[in-house]
Protein backbone atom coordinates (compact mmCIF):
# COMPACT_ATOMS: atom_id res chain seq x y z
CA UNK A 1 -0.20 -0.10 -0.08
CA UNK A 2 1.09 3.72 -0.65
CA UNK A 3 0.58 6.20 1.47
CA UNK A 4 1.71 9.34 -0.01
CA UNK A 5 2.31 13.30 0.99
CA UNK A 6 -0.32 15.39 -1.62
CA UNK A 7 0.16 16.85 -4.98
CA UNK A 8 -1.99 18.77 -6.68
CA UNK A 9 -2.28 20.38 -10.57
CA UNK A 10 -3.14 23.60 -11.53
CA UNK A 11 -6.15 25.81 -9.67
CA UNK A 12 -8.77 27.66 -11.27
CA UNK A 13 -7.55 31.28 -12.25
CA UNK A 14 -10.16 32.62 -10.27
CA UNK A 15 -9.95 31.90 -6.68
CA UNK A 16 -12.29 31.85 -3.81
CA UNK A 17 -11.59 32.17 0.12
CA UNK A 18 -11.31 29.28 1.66
CA UNK A 19 -12.10 27.50 4.58
CA UNK A 20 -8.92 26.15 6.42
CA UNK A 21 -10.69 22.86 6.95
CA UNK A 22 -10.85 22.41 3.20
CA UNK A 23 -7.39 22.65 2.25
CA UNK A 24 -4.13 20.94 3.41
CA UNK A 25 -0.63 22.89 3.88
CA UNK A 26 1.58 22.48 0.30
CA UNK A 27 4.75 23.58 2.44
CA UNK A 28 5.77 27.20 4.00
CA UNK A 29 8.13 30.19 3.14
CA UNK A 30 11.26 30.27 4.42
CA UNK A 31 12.79 33.60 3.66
CA UNK A 32 12.69 35.88 1.10
CA UNK A 33 15.57 35.65 -2.36
CA UNK A 34 16.97 39.02 -3.82
CA UNK A 35 15.63 41.87 -4.01
CA UNK A 36 12.52 41.88 -6.49
CA UNK A 37 10.31 40.65 -4.43
CA UNK A 38 10.78 36.97 -4.57
CA UNK A 39 10.63 34.12 -1.51
CA UNK A 40 12.45 30.57 -1.07
CA UNK A 41 9.74 27.98 -0.26
CA UNK A 42 9.94 24.60 0.94
CA UNK A 43 7.16 22.14 -0.36
CA UNK A 44 6.72 19.13 2.16
CA UNK A 45 5.80 16.35 -0.69
CA UNK A 46 6.69 13.52 -1.92
CA UNK A 47 7.95 15.46 -5.50
CA UNK A 48 8.04 18.90 -5.50
CA UNK A 49 8.45 18.81 -9.78
CA UNK A 50 4.80 17.61 -9.74
CA UNK A 51 4.47 21.51 -9.08
CA UNK A 52 6.49 23.04 -11.67
CA UNK A 53 2.94 24.79 -13.51
CA UNK A 54 1.39 25.69 -10.18
CA UNK A 55 -0.38 29.14 -10.70
CA UNK A 56 -1.65 29.68 -7.81
CA UNK A 57 -1.70 29.10 -3.95
CA UNK A 58 -2.72 30.04 -0.66
CA UNK A 59 -0.80 31.93 2.47
CA UNK A 60 -2.34 32.06 5.84
CA UNK A 61 -2.27 34.92 6.82
CA UNK A 62 -3.48 37.20 10.44
CA UNK A 63 -5.63 33.46 10.48
CA UNK A 64 -6.94 33.78 7.15
CA UNK A 65 -6.15 31.94 3.82
CA UNK A 66 -5.25 34.98 1.47
CA UNK A 67 -5.02 33.92 -2.66
CA UNK A 68 -1.68 34.79 -4.12
CA UNK A 69 -1.61 33.83 -8.08
CA UNK A 70 2.40 32.64 -9.06
CA UNK A 71 4.12 34.44 -11.78
CA UNK A 72 7.78 32.64 -11.68
CA UNK A 73 8.14 29.69 -10.43
CA UNK A 74 11.55 27.58 -10.45
CA UNK A 75 12.77 24.28 -8.77
CA UNK A 76 16.17 24.32 -7.65
CA UNK A 77 18.52 21.01 -7.57
CA UNK A 78 18.51 21.47 -3.97
CA UNK A 79 15.15 21.57 -3.02
CA UNK A 80 14.53 24.72 -3.09
CA UNK A 81 11.85 27.00 -4.72
CA UNK A 82 11.91 30.40 -5.84
CA UNK A 83 8.13 32.02 -5.91
CA UNK A 84 7.50 35.56 -7.79
CA UNK A 85 3.83 36.25 -6.41
CA UNK A 86 1.95 38.78 -8.56
CA UNK A 87 1.84 42.64 -7.21
CA UNK A 88 4.87 41.00 -4.88
CA UNK A 89 7.74 43.28 -6.19
CA UNK A 90 9.96 44.26 -3.55
CA UNK A 91 12.01 42.98 -0.76
CA UNK A 92 10.09 44.63 2.13
CA UNK A 93 6.27 43.34 0.89
CA UNK A 94 7.68 39.43 0.33
CA UNK A 95 9.56 40.07 3.87
CA UNK A 96 6.06 40.25 5.28
CA UNK A 97 5.79 36.11 3.93
CA UNK A 98 8.57 34.57 6.03
CA UNK A 99 7.71 31.52 7.76
CA UNK A 100 4.01 31.57 6.34
CA UNK A 101 2.09 28.52 5.02
CA UNK A 102 1.40 27.76 2.04
CA UNK A 103 -1.91 25.54 1.61
CA UNK A 104 -3.91 24.58 -1.49
CA UNK A 105 -7.68 22.91 -1.66
CA UNK A 106 -8.40 19.36 -1.37
CA UNK A 107 -10.66 19.08 -4.03
CA UNK A 108 -7.16 19.81 -5.99
CA UNK A 109 -6.32 16.57 -5.22
CA UNK A 110 -5.84 14.22 -8.35
CA UNK A 111 -6.92 11.17 -8.13
CA UNK A 112 -5.13 8.17 -6.65
CA UNK A 113 -4.78 4.60 -7.79
CA UNK A 114 -6.99 2.13 -4.93
CA UNK A 115 -3.79 0.96 -2.71
CA UNK A 116 -2.77 4.95 -2.65
CA UNK A 117 -3.78 7.11 -0.05
CA UNK A 118 -2.87 10.21 1.19
CA UNK A 119 -2.02 11.02 5.01
CA UNK A 120 -5.20 13.33 5.79
CA UNK A 121 -7.25 10.41 4.02
CA UNK A 122 -7.17 7.81 7.08
CA UNK A 123 -7.18 10.69 10.59
CA UNK A 124 -9.93 9.26 12.18
CA UNK A 125 -9.36 5.03 10.91
CA UNK A 126 -9.35 2.21 12.87
CA UNK A 127 -6.41 0.56 13.14
CA UNK A 128 -5.98 -3.01 12.59
CA UNK A 129 -2.82 -5.07 13.18
CA UNK A 130 -2.77 -8.85 11.84
CA UNK A 131 -1.76 -10.09 15.36
CA UNK A 132 -3.13 -7.68 17.75
CA UNK A 133 -6.52 -7.43 16.18
CA UNK A 134 -8.66 -3.94 16.78
CA UNK A 135 -6.00 -1.22 18.01
CA UNK A 136 -7.18 2.55 18.41
CA UNK A 137 -7.46 5.06 16.14
CA UNK A 138 -4.75 6.76 13.88
CA UNK A 139 -5.37 10.89 15.34
CA UNK A 140 -2.32 12.71 13.59
CA UNK A 141 0.66 11.89 11.01
CA UNK A 142 4.33 13.95 11.98
CA UNK A 143 5.95 14.64 8.68
CA UNK A 144 9.46 13.72 9.99
CA UNK A 145 13.05 14.74 7.93
CA UNK A 146 13.97 11.03 7.76
CA UNK A 147 10.59 9.01 8.94
CA UNK A 148 7.03 9.76 8.57
CA UNK A 149 4.84 8.58 12.11
CA UNK A 150 1.58 7.46 12.64
CA UNK A 151 0.57 8.73 15.65
CA UNK A 152 -2.55 6.34 16.97
CA UNK A 153 -4.87 6.77 20.40
CA UNK A 154 -4.41 3.14 22.34
CA UNK A 155 -5.54 2.74 25.89
CA UNK A 156 -5.31 6.61 26.37
CA UNK A 157 -1.30 6.18 25.36
CA UNK A 158 0.27 7.78 21.79
CA UNK A 159 1.38 5.06 19.88
CA UNK A 160 3.92 6.08 16.76
CA UNK A 161 3.81 3.79 13.87
CA UNK A 162 6.75 4.10 11.05
CA UNK A 163 4.90 5.39 7.55
CA UNK A 164 6.66 2.24 5.65
CA UNK A 165 4.66 -0.13 2.94
CA UNK A 166 5.31 -3.34 4.81
CA UNK A 167 3.94 -1.74 7.81
CA UNK A 168 0.98 -0.31 6.64
CA UNK A 169 -0.98 -2.84 4.28
CA UNK A 170 -4.08 -1.48 2.74
CA UNK A 171 -6.93 0.93 3.84
CA UNK A 172 -10.74 0.26 3.79
CA UNK A 173 -12.48 3.80 2.90
CA UNK A 174 -15.60 2.35 3.59
CA UNK A 175 -15.14 1.03 6.54
CA UNK A 176 -12.24 3.61 7.69
CA UNK A 177 -10.11 0.65 8.57
CA UNK A 178 -6.53 0.70 8.41
CA UNK A 179 -5.04 -2.34 8.59
CA UNK A 180 -1.28 -2.75 9.87
CA UNK A 181 1.11 -5.32 10.36
CA UNK A 182 3.26 -4.09 12.87
CA UNK A 183 6.60 -5.08 14.63
CA UNK A 184 6.37 -7.68 17.64
CA UNK A 185 6.69 -5.45 20.86
CA UNK A 186 6.52 -1.99 19.15
CA UNK A 187 3.00 -1.65 21.06
CA UNK A 188 4.12 -2.41 24.26
CA UNK A 189 7.13 0.02 24.32
CA UNK A 190 4.51 2.54 24.79
CA UNK A 191 1.97 1.01 26.78
CA UNK A 192 4.09 -1.01 29.72
CA UNK A 193 5.21 1.98 32.01
CA UNK A 194 8.05 0.21 33.31
CA UNK A 195 11.32 0.57 31.58
CA UNK A 196 14.27 -1.33 32.55
CA UNK A 197 15.97 1.40 34.28
CA UNK A 198 13.42 1.93 37.17
CA UNK A 199 13.09 -2.21 36.89
CA UNK A 200 17.05 -2.12 37.62
CA UNK A 201 16.97 1.02 40.59
CA UNK A 202 13.90 -1.27 42.01
CA UNK A 203 16.13 -4.02 42.21
CA UNK A 204 19.40 -1.75 43.33
CA UNK A 205 16.96 -0.30 46.55
CA UNK A 206 15.57 -3.96 47.28
CA UNK A 207 19.51 -4.61 47.93
CA UNK A 208 20.32 -1.31 50.04
CA UNK A 209 17.46 -2.78 52.18
CA UNK A 210 18.53 -6.00 53.02
């Protein structure tokens, strides 16, 4: 099964106000670039090159999604993405966008193959393990630099599951269930409150008391 970070195609030239719940975060602006209003952005997706023809994006400014048209977008070999927004022509105007998140509408996401899912698709799904059976509910996906992690609520604790094809088997959209094959002992790491170091300290205290 493939669980993917989002990617999309062009947006319509007419942009309507958007609710953040109807969007996903594409990435964020890192800093300004040059003196003519360009910015450097980071796209938190699997394939940044799929966005070479992106025409517009929403910026989260003062708690609201504000649409901006893109007049130039250059994806660098090192992963940097240089963007020039329409009507942003000076470094001063671009400076206010530093660290601002970038969003795109969920309805712009392309259709995936049957065994492919975006991260946001499985939030709220019930996790079913091949050996342990029904476990908990998918609460969040943490997109880390080297390993994406799925956070599952299980018996009042958070269990982190690596997002890997060999662990995440398939998802049932109709039943909202996510089928997994977790490594032996993974759940115990989070649910067993007694760490080995604590056991050793308890043994030492018992010996001292004798």
